[in-house]
Amino acid sequence: MKNFKFRIYDNNYNVKIVSHEDNIIDLEVNGTAYSVKLKEEVKVTKTPTLIRSASKRPTELLNVNASSANSKIVAPIPGIVLSIDVKIGDDIKEGDRLLVLEAMKMENNITSEKVGKVTAIHVKTGQQVLQNEVMIELA
């Protein structure tokens, strides 16, 4: 099936996996046959599962003009809206996450820098937005 080469403490090992059924693997190490039983049964999935790790970047705050009565939350960069965390009529505080925007394979939390009320949402989940496109309005 597959061949592997390992070097452990200056010793070379040629490992050949002969067969793999359920949780038993038959293999040869430098020509010597071994049968290895796995602790857990190997789960076979037909469709691969995508698992995203948490973002290592800190949350970036979007600058909103705090002196203005009405504020428009615009896309800082082009991307795709992954989730919307507010709905029309919600009261928000400073630092509340409004939505998540995926851009360049990174998730960006769009947060509020002022207290307000959501008056309009111009995007939906899965929508692609351009830079400076209005996404949410606050009063």
Protein backbone atom coordinates (compact mmCIF):
# COMPACT_ATOMS: atom_id res chain seq x y z
CA MET A 1 0.00 0.00 0.00
CA LYS A 2 2.31 2.76 1.25
CA ASN A 3 5.99 3.01 2.02
CA PHE A 4 7.56 5.30 4.60
CA LYS A 5 11.13 6.03 5.64
CA PHE A 6 11.93 7.06 9.22
CA ARG A 7 15.17 8.06 10.87
CA ILE A 8 15.10 7.67 14.67
CA TYR A 9 18.29 8.17 16.72
CA ASP A 10 20.49 7.68 13.63
CA ASN A 11 18.70 4.40 12.75
CA ASN A 12 16.91 4.11 9.42
CA TYR A 13 13.56 2.30 9.22
CA ASN A 14 11.73 1.36 6.03
CA VAL A 15 8.06 0.82 6.86
CA LYS A 16 5.65 -0.72 4.38
CA ILE A 17 1.94 -0.87 5.17
CA VAL A 18 0.76 -4.17 3.71
CA SER A 19 -2.95 -4.06 4.62
CA HIS A 20 -5.41 -2.13 6.74
CA GLU A 21 -8.73 -3.70 7.73
CA ASP A 22 -10.93 -2.30 10.49
CA ASN A 23 -8.49 -1.48 13.29
CA ILE A 24 -5.77 -4.04 12.35
CA ILE A 25 -2.77 -2.92 10.30
CA ASP A 26 -0.28 -5.40 8.83
CA LEU A 27 3.09 -3.81 8.16
CA GLU A 28 6.74 -4.60 7.55
CA VAL A 29 9.58 -2.77 9.28
CA ASN A 30 12.94 -3.38 7.57
CA GLY A 31 11.55 -6.66 6.19
CA THR A 32 10.08 -7.96 9.49
CA ALA A 33 6.29 -8.41 9.49
CA TYR A 34 4.14 -6.98 12.31
CA SER A 35 0.42 -6.90 12.98
CA VAL A 36 -0.68 -3.78 14.89
CA LYS A 37 -4.06 -3.27 16.54
CA LEU A 38 -5.21 0.35 16.87
CA LYS A 39 -6.76 1.51 20.15
CA GLU A 40 -9.76 3.07 18.43
CA GLU A 41 -11.62 1.98 15.36
CA VAL A 42 -10.74 4.07 12.34
CA LYS A 43 -13.78 6.04 11.23
CA VAL A 44 -14.16 6.29 7.48
CA THR A 45 -15.99 9.33 6.18
CA LYS A 46 -17.09 9.77 2.60
CA THR A 47 -16.98 13.55 2.72
CA PRO A 48 -14.04 15.40 4.29
CA THR A 49 -14.93 17.75 7.14
CA LEU A 50 -13.47 21.25 7.14
CA ILE A 51 -12.43 22.34 10.61
CA ARG A 52 -11.39 25.94 11.07
CA SER A 53 -9.16 26.93 13.91
CA ALA A 54 -9.93 30.03 15.92
CA SER A 55 -8.51 33.24 14.55
CA LYS A 56 -5.17 34.15 16.09
CA ARG A 57 -5.63 37.83 15.24
CA PRO A 58 -7.21 40.07 17.84
CA THR A 59 -10.59 41.58 17.11
CA GLU A 60 -10.22 44.67 14.98
CA LEU A 61 -12.53 47.52 15.84
CA LEU A 62 -14.16 49.37 12.99
CA ASN A 63 -13.91 53.13 13.38
CA VAL A 64 -17.37 54.66 13.56
CA ASN A 65 -17.93 58.40 13.83
CA ALA A 66 -19.23 58.62 17.42
CA SER A 67 -20.34 62.26 17.03
CA SER A 68 -22.80 61.43 14.24
CA ALA A 69 -26.45 60.73 15.13
CA ASN A 70 -26.70 57.98 12.50
CA SER A 71 -23.79 55.68 11.71
CA LYS A 72 -23.23 53.43 8.75
CA ILE A 73 -21.13 50.31 9.21
CA VAL A 74 -19.25 49.76 5.96
CA ALA A 75 -17.10 46.86 4.77
CA PRO A 76 -13.43 47.68 5.53
CA ILE A 77 -12.33 45.24 2.79
CA PRO A 78 -14.10 43.14 0.14
CA GLY A 79 -15.34 39.81 1.48
CA ILE A 80 -18.22 37.45 2.22
CA VAL A 81 -20.61 37.87 5.17
CA LEU A 82 -20.29 34.69 7.26
CA SER A 83 -22.74 35.58 10.04
CA ILE A 84 -24.87 38.48 11.22
CA ASP A 85 -25.03 38.73 15.01
CA VAL A 86 -27.67 41.47 15.32
CA LYS A 87 -31.19 42.14 14.05
CA ILE A 88 -33.16 45.30 13.41
CA GLY A 89 -34.19 46.94 16.68
CA ASP A 90 -31.33 45.47 18.76
CA ASP A 91 -29.66 47.83 21.23
CA ILE A 92 -25.89 47.49 20.99
CA LYS A 93 -23.08 48.53 23.27
CA GLU A 94 -19.58 49.58 22.48
CA GLY A 95 -17.52 46.54 21.45
CA ASP A 96 -20.50 44.32 20.50
CA ARG A 97 -19.85 42.11 17.48
CA LEU A 98 -22.19 43.05 14.64
CA LEU A 99 -21.13 40.54 11.99
CA VAL A 100 -18.29 38.35 10.76
CA LEU A 101 -16.74 39.13 7.38
CA GLU A 102 -14.48 36.61 5.64
CA ALA A 103 -11.78 38.25 3.56
CA MET A 104 -8.62 36.69 2.16
CA LYS A 105 -9.41 33.38 3.97
CA MET A 106 -9.55 35.13 7.37
CA GLU A 107 -12.54 35.81 9.59
CA ASN A 108 -12.85 39.47 10.62
CA ASN A 109 -15.13 40.45 13.50
CA ILE A 110 -16.87 43.74 12.75
CA THR A 111 -17.66 45.42 16.07
CA SER A 112 -19.29 48.67 17.13
CA GLU A 113 -17.40 51.55 18.68
CA LYS A 114 -20.52 53.34 19.89
CA VAL A 115 -23.77 52.67 21.66
CA GLY A 116 -26.81 52.63 19.41
CA LYS A 117 -29.77 50.81 17.94
CA VAL A 118 -29.74 48.79 14.71
CA THR A 119 -32.04 50.56 12.24
CA ALA A 120 -31.22 48.69 9.01
CA ILE A 121 -29.32 45.65 7.80
CA HIS A 122 -28.38 45.79 4.11
CA VAL A 123 -26.62 42.41 3.82
CA LYS A 124 -27.44 38.76 4.38
CA THR A 125 -25.35 35.71 5.28
CA GLY A 126 -23.35 34.44 2.29
CA GLN A 127 -23.50 37.76 0.44
CA GLN A 128 -20.35 39.14 -1.12
CA VAL A 129 -19.64 42.79 -0.31
CA LEU A 130 -17.26 45.34 -1.78
CA GLN A 131 -15.02 47.68 0.17
CA ASN A 132 -16.95 50.64 1.66
CA GLU A 133 -20.33 49.00 0.96
CA VAL A 134 -22.88 49.89 3.67
CA MET A 135 -23.76 46.74 5.67
CA ILE A 136 -25.56 47.99 8.81
CA GLU A 137 -27.03 51.32 9.94
CA LEU A 138 -27.17 52.46 13.57
CA ALA A 139 -29.10 55.27 15.23
